PDB file of N, CA and C in Angstrom:
ATOM      1  N   MET A   1     -47.210 -70.304 -49.626  1.00  0.00           N
ATOM      2  CA  MET A   1     -47.936 -70.061 -48.302  1.00  0.00           C
ATOM      3  C   MET A   1     -47.263 -70.637 -47.265  1.00  0.00           C
ATOM      4  N   LYS A   2     -46.901 -71.942 -46.962  1.00  0.00           N
ATOM      5  CA  LYS A   2     -46.436 -72.444 -46.275  1.00  0.00           C
ATOM      6  C   LYS A   2     -45.459 -71.801 -45.610  1.00  0.00           C
ATOM      7  N   SER A   3     -44.219 -71.542 -46.757  1.00  0.00           N
ATOM      8  CA  SER A   3     -43.170 -71.100 -46.789  1.00  0.00           C
ATOM      9  C   SER A   3     -43.067 -69.521 -45.694  1.00  0.00           C
ATOM     10  N   LEU A   4     -44.424 -68.609 -46.056  1.00  0.00           N
ATOM     11  CA  LEU A   4     -44.592 -67.615 -45.211  1.00  0.00           C
ATOM     12  C   LEU A   4     -44.923 -67.771 -43.856  1.00  0.00           C
ATOM     13  N   VAL A   5     -45.626 -68.733 -43.918  1.00  0.00           N
ATOM     14  CA  VAL A   5     -46.104 -69.143 -42.421  1.00  0.00           C
ATOM     15  C   VAL A   5     -44.835 -69.175 -41.804  1.00  0.00           C
ATOM     16  N   LEU A   6     -44.412 -70.153 -41.802  1.00  0.00           N
ATOM     17  CA  LEU A   6     -43.204 -71.184 -41.323  1.00  0.00           C
ATOM     18  C   LEU A   6     -42.003 -69.361 -41.139  1.00  0.00           C
ATOM     19  N   SER A   7     -41.475 -68.891 -42.305  1.00  0.00           N
ATOM     20  CA  SER A   7     -40.719 -67.561 -41.930  1.00  0.00           C
ATOM     21  C   SER A   7     -41.543 -66.757 -40.712  1.00  0.00           C
ATOM     22  N   LEU A   8     -42.408 -66.472 -40.484  1.00  0.00           N
ATOM     23  CA  LEU A   8     -43.284 -65.960 -39.348  1.00  0.00           C
ATOM     24  C   LEU A   8     -42.751 -66.208 -38.080  1.00  0.00           C
ATOM     25  N   LEU A   9     -43.297 -67.673 -37.706  1.00  0.00           N
ATOM     26  CA  LEU A   9     -43.236 -68.387 -37.216  1.00  0.00           C
ATOM     27  C   LEU A   9     -41.633 -68.130 -36.321  1.00  0.00           C
ATOM     28  N   LEU A  10     -40.866 -68.662 -37.789  1.00  0.00           N
ATOM     29  CA  LEU A  10     -39.211 -68.908 -37.241  1.00  0.00           C
ATOM     30  C   LEU A  10     -38.790 -67.170 -36.382  1.00  0.00           C
ATOM     31  N   ALA A  11     -39.657 -66.031 -37.132  1.00  0.00           N
ATOM     32  CA  ALA A  11     -39.014 -64.344 -36.423  1.00  0.00           C
ATOM     33  C   ALA A  11     -40.000 -64.634 -35.072  1.00  0.00           C
ATOM     34  N   PHE A  12     -40.783 -65.207 -35.231  1.00  0.00           N
ATOM     35  CA  PHE A  12     -41.752 -65.664 -33.917  1.00  0.00           C
ATOM     36  C   PHE A  12     -40.535 -65.278 -32.714  1.00  0.00           C
ATOM     37  N   PHE A  13     -40.538 -66.876 -33.247  1.00  0.00           N
ATOM     38  CA  PHE A  13     -39.733 -67.496 -31.720  1.00  0.00           C
ATOM     39  C   PHE A  13     -38.412 -66.957 -31.813  1.00  0.00           C
ATOM     40  N   ALA A  14     -37.669 -66.352 -32.437  1.00  0.00           N
ATOM     41  CA  ALA A  14     -36.658 -65.941 -32.490  1.00  0.00           C
ATOM     42  C   ALA A  14     -35.980 -64.794 -32.083  1.00  0.00           C
ATOM     43  N   THR A  15     -37.289 -64.025 -31.779  1.00  0.00           N
ATOM     44  CA  THR A  15     -36.967 -62.602 -31.118  1.00  0.00           C
ATOM     45  C   THR A  15     -38.040 -62.561 -29.543  1.00  0.00           C
ATOM     46  N   GLY A  16     -37.786 -64.154 -29.405  1.00  0.00           N
ATOM     47  CA  GLY A  16     -38.110 -64.418 -27.964  1.00  0.00           C
ATOM     48  C   GLY A  16     -39.925 -63.617 -27.690  1.00  0.00           C
ATOM     49  N   ALA A  17     -40.827 -63.437 -28.363  1.00  0.00           N
ATOM     50  CA  ALA A  17     -41.731 -62.455 -28.458  1.00  0.00           C
ATOM     51  C   ALA A  17     -42.518 -63.961 -27.441  1.00  0.00           C
ATOM     52  N   ALA A  18     -42.347 -64.984 -28.084  1.00  0.00           N
ATOM     53  CA  ALA A  18     -43.140 -66.364 -27.601  1.00  0.00           C
ATOM     54  C   ALA A  18     -42.882 -66.562 -26.130  1.00  0.00           C
ATOM     55  N   ALA A  19     -41.739 -66.430 -25.568  1.00  0.00           N
ATOM     56  CA  ALA A  19     -41.325 -66.480 -24.565  1.00  0.00           C
ATOM     57  C   ALA A  19     -41.487 -65.168 -23.284  1.00  0.00           C
ATOM     58  N   GLN A  20     -41.705 -64.229 -23.763  1.00  0.00           N
ATOM     59  CA  GLN A  20     -41.994 -63.044 -23.095  1.00  0.00           C
ATOM     60  C   GLN A  20     -43.390 -63.356 -23.044  1.00  0.00           C
ATOM     61  N   HIS A  21     -44.507 -63.343 -23.853  1.00  0.00           N
ATOM     62  CA  HIS A  21     -45.818 -63.620 -23.221  1.00  0.00           C
ATOM     63  C   HIS A  21     -46.331 -64.879 -23.140  1.00  0.00           C
ATOM     64  N   SER A  22     -45.886 -65.915 -23.157  1.00  0.00           N
ATOM     65  CA  SER A  22     -46.768 -66.840 -22.386  1.00  0.00           C
ATOM     66  C   SER A  22     -46.632 -67.366 -20.972  1.00  0.00           C
ATOM     67  N   HIS A  23     -45.512 -66.958 -20.113  1.00  0.00           N
ATOM     68  CA  HIS A  23     -45.855 -66.806 -18.821  1.00  0.00           C
ATOM     69  C   HIS A  23     -44.990 -65.716 -17.969  1.00  0.00           C
ATOM     70  N   PRO A  24     -45.707 -64.215 -18.309  1.00  0.00           N
ATOM     71  CA  PRO A  24     -44.792 -63.573 -17.372  1.00  0.00           C
ATOM     72  C   PRO A  24     -44.525 -63.700 -15.961  1.00  0.00           C
ATOM     73  N   ALA A  25     -45.368 -64.355 -15.384  1.00  0.00           N
ATOM     74  CA  ALA A  25     -44.859 -64.445 -13.678  1.00  0.00           C
ATOM     75  C   ALA A  25     -43.608 -65.550 -13.624  1.00  0.00           C
ATOM     76  N   ALA A  26     -43.745 -66.312 -14.656  1.00  0.00           N
ATOM     77  CA  ALA A  26     -42.110 -67.514 -14.514  1.00  0.00           C
ATOM     78  C   ALA A  26     -41.298 -66.247 -14.380  1.00  0.00           C
ATOM     79  N   ALA A  27     -40.937 -65.343 -15.055  1.00  0.00           N
ATOM     80  CA  ALA A  27     -40.050 -64.784 -14.802  1.00  0.00           C
ATOM     81  C   ALA A  27     -39.811 -64.126 -13.406  1.00  0.00           C
ATOM     82  N   THR A  28     -40.320 -63.914 -13.171  1.00  0.00           N
ATOM     83  CA  THR A  28     -39.984 -63.419 -11.502  1.00  0.00           C
ATOM     84  C   THR A  28     -41.185 -63.859 -10.240  1.00  0.00           C
ATOM     85  N   PRO A  29     -40.838 -65.038  -9.877  1.00  0.00           N
ATOM     86  CA  PRO A  29     -41.688 -65.743  -9.461  1.00  0.00           C
ATOM     87  C   PRO A  29     -42.017 -65.111  -7.521  1.00  0.00           C
ATOM     88  N   ALA A  30     -40.423 -64.838  -7.321  1.00  0.00           N
ATOM     89  CA  ALA A  30     -40.843 -63.927  -5.949  1.00  0.00           C
ATOM     90  C   ALA A  30     -41.307 -62.982  -5.819  1.00  0.00           C
ATOM     91  N   ALA A  31     -41.339 -62.542  -6.829  1.00  0.00           N
ATOM     92  CA  ALA A  31     -41.792 -60.841  -6.945  1.00  0.00           C
ATOM     93  C   ALA A  31     -43.227 -61.085  -7.130  1.00  0.00           C
ATOM     94  N   SER A  32     -43.371 -61.604  -7.780  1.00  0.00           N
ATOM     95  CA  SER A  32     -45.380 -61.729  -8.144  1.00  0.00           C
ATOM     96  C   SER A  32     -45.681 -62.115  -6.892  1.00  0.00           C
ATOM     97  N   ALA A  33     -45.002 -63.604  -6.226  1.00  0.00           N
ATOM     98  CA  ALA A  33     -45.621 -64.385  -4.946  1.00  0.00           C
ATOM     99  C   ALA A  33     -45.774 -63.447  -3.910  1.00  0.00           C
ATOM    100  N   ALA A  34     -44.784 -62.319  -3.431  1.00  0.00           N
ATOM    101  CA  ALA A  34     -44.729 -61.360  -2.616  1.00  0.00           C
ATOM    102  C   ALA A  34     -45.589 -60.504  -2.716  1.00  0.00           C
ATOM    103  N   ALA A  35     -46.047 -59.822  -4.019  1.00  0.00           N
ATOM    104  CA  ALA A  35     -47.119 -59.003  -4.156  1.00  0.00           C
ATOM    105  C   ALA A  35     -48.558 -59.597  -4.345  1.00  0.00           C
ATOM    106  N   GLY A  36     -48.606 -60.603  -4.796  1.00  0.00           N
ATOM    107  CA  GLY A  36     -50.146 -61.295  -4.155  1.00  0.00           C
ATOM    108  C   GLY A  36     -50.033 -61.870  -2.970  1.00  0.00           C
ATOM    109  N   ASP A  37     -48.894 -61.624  -1.802  1.00  0.00           N
ATOM    110  CA  ASP A  37     -49.704 -62.568  -0.564  1.00  0.00           C
ATOM    111  C   ASP A  37     -50.564 -60.868   0.132  1.00  0.00           C
ATOM    112  N   PHE A  38     -49.916 -60.012   0.122  1.00  0.00           N
ATOM    113  CA  PHE A  38     -51.193 -58.370   0.853  1.00  0.00           C
ATOM    114  C   PHE A  38     -51.733 -57.879  -0.455  1.00  0.00           C
ATOM    115  N   ALA A  39     -52.832 -57.693   0.486  1.00  0.00           N
ATOM    116  CA  ALA A  39     -53.626 -56.617  -0.433  1.00  0.00           C
ATOM    117  C   ALA A  39     -53.798 -55.241   0.666  1.00  0.00           C
ATOM    118  N   GLU A  40     -54.488 -54.335  -0.267  1.00  0.00           N
ATOM    119  CA  GLU A  40     -55.056 -53.106   0.498  1.00  0.00           C
ATOM    120  C   GLU A  40     -56.094 -52.689   0.691  1.00  0.00           C
ATOM    121  N   GLY A  41     -56.712 -52.081   1.718  1.00  0.00           N
ATOM    122  CA  GLY A  41     -58.135 -51.588   1.770  1.00  0.00           C
ATOM    123  C   GLY A  41     -58.297 -50.645   2.835  1.00  0.00           C
ATOM    124  N   GLU A  42     -59.165 -50.342   3.275  1.00  0.00           N
ATOM    125  CA  GLU A  42     -59.646 -49.408   4.331  1.00  0.00           C
ATOM    126  C   GLU A  42     -60.413 -50.174   5.468  1.00  0.00           C
ATOM    127  N   VAL A  43     -59.951 -50.242   6.572  1.00  0.00           N
ATOM    128  CA  VAL A  43     -60.697 -50.639   7.887  1.00  0.00           C
ATOM    129  C   VAL A  43     -61.942 -49.805   8.050  1.00  0.00           C
ATOM    130  N   LYS A  44     -63.104 -50.604   8.049  1.00  0.00           N
ATOM    131  CA  LYS A  44     -64.386 -50.060   8.257  1.00  0.00           C
ATOM    132  C   LYS A  44     -65.173 -50.136   9.496  1.00  0.00           C
ATOM    133  N   ARG A  45     -64.566 -51.153  10.270  1.00  0.00           N
ATOM    134  CA  ARG A  45     -65.124 -51.602  11.396  1.00  0.00           C
ATOM    135  C   ARG A  45     -64.614 -52.652  12.150  1.00  0.00           C
ATOM    136  N   LEU A  46     -64.575 -52.699  12.973  1.00  0.00           N
ATOM    137  CA  LEU A  46     -63.684 -53.725  14.542  1.00  0.00           C
ATOM    138  C   LEU A  46     -64.467 -53.852  15.144  1.00  0.00           C
ATOM    139  N   ASP A  47     -64.758 -55.259  15.658  1.00  0.00           N
ATOM    140  CA  ASP A  47     -65.152 -55.823  16.440  1.00  0.00           C
ATOM    141  C   ASP A  47     -63.864 -56.667  17.452  1.00  0.00           C
ATOM    142  N   LYS A  48     -63.334 -56.075  18.301  1.00  0.00           N
ATOM    143  CA  LYS A  48     -62.580 -56.763  19.185  1.00  0.00           C
ATOM    144  C   LYS A  48     -62.940 -58.025  19.701  1.00  0.00           C
ATOM    145  N   ALA A  49     -64.130 -58.209  20.018  1.00  0.00           N
ATOM    146  CA  ALA A  49     -64.752 -58.790  21.174  1.00  0.00           C
ATOM    147  C   ALA A  49     -64.741 -60.377  20.144  1.00  0.00           C
ATOM    148  N   ALA A  50     -65.259 -60.228  19.239  1.00  0.00           N
ATOM    149  CA  ALA A  50     -65.309 -61.412  18.286  1.00  0.00           C
ATOM    150  C   ALA A  50     -64.306 -61.681  17.241  1.00  0.00           C
ATOM    151  N   ALA A  51     -62.992 -60.831  17.159  1.00  0.00           N
ATOM    152  CA  ALA A  51     -61.510 -60.908  16.598  1.00  0.00           C
ATOM    153  C   ALA A  51     -62.516 -60.781  15.596  1.00  0.00           C
ATOM    154  N   ARG A  52     -63.244 -59.609  14.763  1.00  0.00           N
ATOM    155  CA  ARG A  52     -63.479 -60.088  13.167  1.00  0.00           C
ATOM    156  C   ARG A  52     -62.968 -58.479  13.046  1.00  0.00           C
ATOM    157  N   VAL A  53     -63.096 -58.081  11.705  1.00  0.00           N
ATOM    158  CA  VAL A  53     -62.624 -56.498  10.892  1.00  0.00           C
ATOM    159  C   VAL A  53     -63.392 -56.453   9.605  1.00  0.00           C
ATOM    160  N   THR A  54     -63.982 -55.568   9.536  1.00  0.00           N
ATOM    161  CA  THR A  54     -64.722 -55.467   8.598  1.00  0.00           C
ATOM    162  C   THR A  54     -63.988 -54.593   7.331  1.00  0.00           C
ATOM    163  N   ILE A  55     -63.480 -54.849   6.233  1.00  0.00           N
ATOM    164  CA  ILE A  55     -62.417 -54.104   5.536  1.00  0.00           C
ATOM    165  C   ILE A  55     -63.018 -53.803   3.710  1.00  0.00           C
ATOM    166  N   ARG A  56     -63.118 -52.895   3.449  1.00  0.00           N
ATOM    167  CA  ARG A  56     -63.599 -52.515   1.866  1.00  0.00           C
ATOM    168  C   ARG A  56     -62.067 -52.380   1.404  1.00  0.00           C
ATOM    169  N   HIS A  57     -61.750 -53.463   0.112  1.00  0.00           N
ATOM    170  CA  HIS A  57     -60.832 -53.528  -0.230  1.00  0.00           C
ATOM    171  C   HIS A  57     -60.579 -53.975  -1.516  1.00  0.00           C
ATOM    172  N   GLY A  58     -59.240 -53.907  -2.244  1.00  0.00           N
ATOM    173  CA  GLY A  58     -58.947 -54.059  -3.221  1.00  0.00           C
ATOM    174  C   GLY A  58     -59.013 -55.620  -3.691  1.00  0.00           C
ATOM    175  N   GLU A  59     -58.638 -55.887  -5.194  1.00  0.00           N
ATOM    176  CA  GLU A  59     -58.395 -57.622  -5.319  1.00  0.00           C
ATOM    177  C   GLU A  59     -57.559 -58.209  -3.968  1.00  0.00           C
ATOM    178  N   ILE A  60     -58.169 -59.397  -3.651  1.00  0.00           N
ATOM    179  CA  ILE A  60     -57.082 -60.108  -2.810  1.00  0.00           C
ATOM    180  C   ILE A  60     -56.438 -61.493  -3.476  1.00  0.00           C
ATOM    181  N   ARG A  61     -55.412 -61.404  -4.348  1.00  0.00           N
ATOM    182  CA  ARG A  61     -54.989 -62.266  -5.013  1.00  0.00           C
ATOM    183  C   ARG A  61     -54.699 -63.607  -4.308  1.00  0.00           C
ATOM    184  N   SER A  62     -54.220 -63.733  -3.274  1.00  0.00           N
ATOM    185  CA  SER A  62     -53.567 -65.014  -2.215  1.00  0.00           C
ATOM    186  C   SER A  62     -55.149 -65.661  -2.491  1.00  0.00           C
ATOM    187  N   ILE A  63     -56.312 -65.382  -2.271  1.00  0.00           N
ATOM    188  CA  ILE A  63     -57.557 -66.418  -2.548  1.00  0.00           C
ATOM    189  C   ILE A  63     -58.421 -65.764  -3.482  1.00  0.00           C
ATOM    190  N   GLY A  64     -57.856 -65.071  -5.056  1.00  0.00           N
ATOM    191  CA  GLY A  64     -58.435 -65.158  -5.884  1.00  0.00           C
ATOM    192  C   GLY A  64     -59.798 -64.581  -5.592  1.00  0.00           C
ATOM    193  N   MET A  65     -60.116 -63.288  -5.196  1.00  0.00           N
ATOM    194  CA  MET A  65     -61.351 -62.436  -4.451  1.00  0.00           C
ATOM    195  C   MET A  65     -61.094 -60.932  -5.278  1.00  0.00           C
ATOM    196  N   GLY A  66     -62.113 -60.707  -5.472  1.00  0.00           N
ATOM    197  CA  GLY A  66     -62.247 -59.138  -6.293  1.00  0.00           C
ATOM    198  C   GLY A  66     -62.347 -58.367  -5.590  1.00  0.00           C
ATOM    199  N   PRO A  67     -62.948 -57.213  -5.255  1.00  0.00           N
ATOM    200  CA  PRO A  67     -62.649 -56.109  -4.543  1.00  0.00           C
ATOM    201  C   PRO A  67     -64.371 -56.173  -3.992  1.00  0.00           C
ATOM    202  N   MET A  68     -64.456 -55.969  -2.985  1.00  0.00           N
ATOM    203  CA  MET A  68     -65.702 -55.588  -1.556  1.00  0.00           C
ATOM    204  C   MET A  68     -65.515 -55.199  -0.971  1.00  0.00           C
ATOM    205  N   THR A  69     -66.388 -55.337   0.153  1.00  0.00           N
ATOM    206  CA  THR A  69     -66.255 -54.654   1.440  1.00  0.00           C
ATOM    207  C   THR A  69     -66.905 -55.693   2.057  1.00  0.00           C
ATOM    208  N   MET A  70     -65.983 -56.665   3.178  1.00  0.00           N
ATOM    209  CA  MET A  70     -66.100 -57.981   3.621  1.00  0.00           C
ATOM    210  C   MET A  70     -65.548 -58.024   5.099  1.00  0.00           C
ATOM    211  N   THR A  71     -66.507 -58.720   6.584  1.00  0.00           N
ATOM    212  CA  THR A  71     -66.029 -58.850   7.368  1.00  0.00           C
ATOM    213  C   THR A  71     -65.183 -60.148   7.566  1.00  0.00           C
ATOM    214  N   PHE A  72     -63.962 -60.432   7.831  1.00  0.00           N
ATOM    215  CA  PHE A  72     -63.126 -61.441   7.922  1.00  0.00           C
ATOM    216  C   PHE A  72     -62.989 -61.575   9.562  1.00  0.00           C
ATOM    217  N   PRO A  73     -62.498 -62.945   9.960  1.00  0.00           N
ATOM    218  CA  PRO A  73     -61.775 -63.391  11.158  1.00  0.00           C
ATOM    219  C   PRO A  73     -61.182 -62.811  11.321  1.00  0.00           C
ATOM    220  N   VAL A  74     -59.726 -62.607  12.592  1.00  0.00           N
ATOM    221  CA  VAL A  74     -58.648 -62.080  12.277  1.00  0.00           C
ATOM    222  C   VAL A  74     -58.152 -63.202  13.631  1.00  0.00           C
ATOM    223  N   LYS A  75     -57.130 -63.896  13.164  1.00  0.00           N
ATOM    224  CA  LYS A  75     -56.547 -64.914  14.047  1.00  0.00           C
ATOM    225  C   LYS A  75     -54.969 -64.144  13.640  1.00  0.00           C
ATOM    226  N   PRO A  76     -54.145 -64.067  14.462  1.00  0.00           N
ATOM    227  CA  PRO A  76     -54.419 -64.323  15.993  1.00  0.00           C
ATOM    228  C   PRO A  76     -55.350 -62.517  16.324  1.00  0.00           C
ATOM    229  N   ALA A  77     -56.324 -62.588  17.373  1.00  0.00           N
ATOM    230  CA  ALA A  77     -57.109 -61.422  17.336  1.00  0.00           C
ATOM    231  C   ALA A  77     -56.178 -59.967  18.042  1.00  0.00           C
ATOM    232  N   ALA A  78     -55.180 -60.079  18.433  1.00  0.00           N
ATOM    233  CA  ALA A  78     -53.980 -59.177  18.851  1.00  0.00           C
ATOM    234  C   ALA A  78     -53.682 -58.680  17.425  1.00  0.00           C
ATOM    235  N   LEU A  79     -53.957 -58.732  16.580  1.00  0.00           N
ATOM    236  CA  LEU A  79     -53.427 -58.254  15.374  1.00  0.00           C
ATOM    237  C   LEU A  79     -54.889 -56.479  15.381  1.00  0.00           C
ATOM    238  N   LEU A  80     -55.853 -56.636  15.956  1.00  0.00           N
ATOM    239  CA  LEU A  80     -56.510 -55.658  15.990  1.00  0.00           C
ATOM    240  C   LEU A  80     -56.273 -54.277  16.678  1.00  0.00           C
ATOM    241  N   ASP A  81     -55.200 -54.702  17.546  1.00  0.00           N
ATOM    242  CA  ASP A  81     -54.453 -53.905  18.490  1.00  0.00           C
ATOM    243  C   ASP A  81     -53.644 -52.669  17.674  1.00  0.00           C
ATOM    244  N   ARG A  82     -53.737 -53.469  16.159  1.00  0.00           N
ATOM    245  CA  ARG A  82     -52.745 -52.428  15.641  1.00  0.00           C
ATOM    246  C   ARG A  82     -53.429 -51.180  14.563  1.00  0.00           C
ATOM    247  N   VAL A  83     -54.542 -51.751  14.754  1.00  0.00           N
ATOM    248  CA  VAL A  83     -55.781 -50.759  13.383  1.00  0.00           C
ATOM    249  C   VAL A  83     -56.574 -49.861  14.192  1.00  0.00           C
ATOM    250  N   ALA A  84     -56.986 -48.829  13.427  1.00  0.00           N
ATOM    251  CA  ALA A  84     -58.490 -48.568  13.950  1.00  0.00           C
ATOM    252  C   ALA A  84     -59.341 -48.381  12.691  1.00  0.00           C
ATOM    253  N   ALA A  85     -60.542 -48.049  13.028  1.00  0.00           N
ATOM    254  CA  ALA A  85     -61.404 -47.838  11.941  1.00  0.00           C
ATOM    255  C   ALA A  85     -60.943 -46.357  11.048  1.00  0.00           C
ATOM    256  N   GLY A  86     -61.022 -46.243   9.831  1.00  0.00           N
ATOM    257  CA  GLY A  86     -60.116 -45.384   9.232  1.00  0.00           C
ATOM    258  C   GLY A  86     -59.259 -45.509   8.702  1.00  0.00           C
ATOM    259  N   ASP A  87     -58.604 -46.550   9.229  1.00  0.00           N
ATOM    260  CA  ASP A  87     -57.148 -46.645   8.778  1.00  0.00           C
ATOM    261  C   ASP A  87     -56.984 -47.422   7.562  1.00  0.00           C
ATOM    262  N   LYS A  88     -56.389 -46.808   6.400  1.00  0.00           N
ATOM    263  CA  LYS A  88     -55.889 -47.862   5.212  1.00  0.00           C
ATOM    264  C   LYS A  88     -54.721 -48.501   6.147  1.00  0.00           C
ATOM    265  N   VAL A  89     -54.642 -49.661   5.139  1.00  0.00           N
ATOM    266  CA  VAL A  89     -53.845 -51.424   5.967  1.00  0.00           C
ATOM    267  C   VAL A  89     -53.766 -51.862   4.378  1.00  0.00           C
ATOM    268  N   ARG A  90     -52.359 -52.682   4.876  1.00  0.00           N
ATOM    269  CA  ARG A  90     -51.973 -53.922   3.903  1.00  0.00           C
ATOM    270  C   ARG A  90     -52.148 -55.212   4.778  1.00  0.00           C
ATOM    271  N   PHE A  91     -52.974 -55.703   4.002  1.00  0.00           N
ATOM    272  CA  PHE A  91     -52.807 -57.399   4.876  1.00  0.00           C
ATOM    273  C   PHE A  91     -53.226 -58.325   4.283  1.00  0.00           C
ATOM    274  N   LYS A  92     -52.918 -59.531   5.147  1.00  0.00           N
ATOM    275  CA  LYS A  92     -53.216 -60.966   4.300  1.00  0.00           C
ATOM    276  C   LYS A  92     -53.788 -61.824   4.497  1.00  0.00           C
ATOM    277  N   VAL A  93     -54.718 -62.207   3.731  1.00  0.00           N
ATOM    278  CA  VAL A  93     -55.967 -63.525   3.917  1.00  0.00           C
ATOM    279  C   VAL A  93     -55.201 -64.603   3.438  1.00  0.00           C
ATOM    280  N   GLU A  94     -55.459 -65.695   4.348  1.00  0.00           N
ATOM    281  CA  GLU A  94     -55.369 -67.281   3.968  1.00  0.00           C
ATOM    282  C   GLU A  94     -56.591 -67.892   4.498  1.00  0.00           C
ATOM    283  N   VAL A  95     -57.283 -69.228   3.813  1.00  0.00           N
ATOM    284  CA  VAL A  95     -58.235 -70.141   4.271  1.00  0.00           C
ATOM    285  C   VAL A  95     -57.736 -70.460   5.415  1.00  0.00           C
ATOM    286  N   VAL A  96     -58.212 -70.215   6.606  1.00  0.00           N
ATOM    287  CA  VAL A  96     -57.984 -70.976   8.021  1.00  0.00           C
ATOM    288  C   VAL A  96     -59.824 -72.074   7.839  1.00  0.00           C
ATOM    289  N   SER A  97     -59.536 -73.188   8.192  1.00  0.00           N
ATOM    290  CA  SER A  97     -60.534 -73.758   8.267  1.00  0.00           C
ATOM    291  C   SER A  97     -61.430 -73.407   7.196  1.00  0.00           C
ATOM    292  N   GLY A  98     -61.642 -73.202   6.133  1.00  0.00           N
ATOM    293  CA  GLY A  98     -62.459 -73.157   5.234  1.00  0.00           C
ATOM    294  C   GLY A  98     -62.982 -71.540   5.300  1.00  0.00           C
ATOM    295  N   ASP A  99     -62.762 -70.569   5.805  1.00  0.00           N
ATOM    296  CA  ASP A  99     -62.765 -68.997   5.806  1.00  0.00           C
ATOM    297  C   ASP A  99     -62.114 -68.491   5.568  1.00  0.00           C
ATOM    298  N   PRO A 100     -62.028 -67.559   4.620  1.00  0.00           N
ATOM    299  CA  PRO A 100     -61.128 -66.288   4.499  1.00  0.00           C
ATOM    300  C   PRO A 100     -60.556 -65.594   5.608  1.00  0.00           C
ATOM    301  N   THR A 101     -59.317 -65.354   5.885  1.00  0.00           N
ATOM    302  CA  THR A 101     -59.210 -64.713   7.228  1.00  0.00           C
ATOM    303  C   THR A 101     -57.854 -64.260   7.252  1.00  0.00           C
ATOM    304  N   VAL A 102     -58.154 -62.871   7.695  1.00  0.00           N
ATOM    305  CA  VAL A 102     -56.754 -62.062   8.430  1.00  0.00           C
ATOM    306  C   VAL A 102     -56.446 -62.679   9.011  1.00  0.00           C
ATOM    307  N   THR A 103     -54.681 -62.471   8.512  1.00  0.00           N
ATOM    308  CA  THR A 103     -53.826 -63.131   9.589  1.00  0.00           C
ATOM    309  C   THR A 103     -52.112 -62.197   9.717  1.00  0.00           C
ATOM    310  N   ALA A 104     -52.544 -61.387   8.652  1.00  0.00           N
ATOM    311  CA  ALA A 104     -51.449 -60.259   8.953  1.00  0.00           C
ATOM    312  C   ALA A 104     -52.020 -59.103   8.841  1.00  0.00           C
ATOM    313  N   ILE A 105     -51.832 -57.544   9.374  1.00  0.00           N
ATOM    314  CA  ILE A 105     -52.302 -56.159   9.074  1.00  0.00           C
ATOM    315  C   ILE A 105     -51.332 -55.437   9.344  1.00  0.00           C
ATOM    316  N   ALA A 106     -51.310 -54.608   8.906  1.00  0.00           N
ATOM    317  CA  ALA A 106     -50.537 -53.449   9.170  1.00  0.00           C
ATOM    318  C   ALA A 106     -51.040 -52.129   8.571  1.00  0.00           C
ATOM    319  N   LYS A 107     -51.064 -50.980   9.334  1.00  0.00           N
ATOM    320  CA  LYS A 107     -51.645 -49.749   8.800  1.00  0.00           C
ATOM    321  C   LYS A 107     -50.409 -49.440   7.319  1.00  0.00           C
ATOM    322  N   ALA A 108     -51.074 -48.930   6.153  1.00  0.00           N
ATOM    323  CA  ALA A 108     -50.344 -48.979   4.714  1.00  0.00           C
ATOM    324  C   ALA A 108     -49.382 -47.094   5.282  1.00  0.00           C
ATOM    325  N   LYS A 109     -48.141 -47.413   4.847  1.00  0.00           N
ATOM    326  CA  LYS A 109     -47.253 -46.355   4.735  1.00  0.00           C
ATOM    327  C   LYS A 109     -47.639 -45.261   3.846  1.00  0.00           C
TER     328      LYS A 109
END
């Protein structure tokens, strides 16, 4: 029985299956980092006076946030000049002074 288990383990490691399943992101760190930086969503409302935007969004991997509709502060506020309510957007969220903040936004292509 021990030899069977040992044979299976050796075959598993020899095929590289363990390496492929243990750290899939490690194979392409630049690609996974770039993909995780931006999220997609739809602008629901802009408040230029308060520098805030409400976005219905999918997962925001950069901060570990699931899909929802949320109002974010925007820094710099001039980013709001690039979008309007109803636009499909790609945006970046970073934690600034403890608050999830939109730091980049553009209309999705």
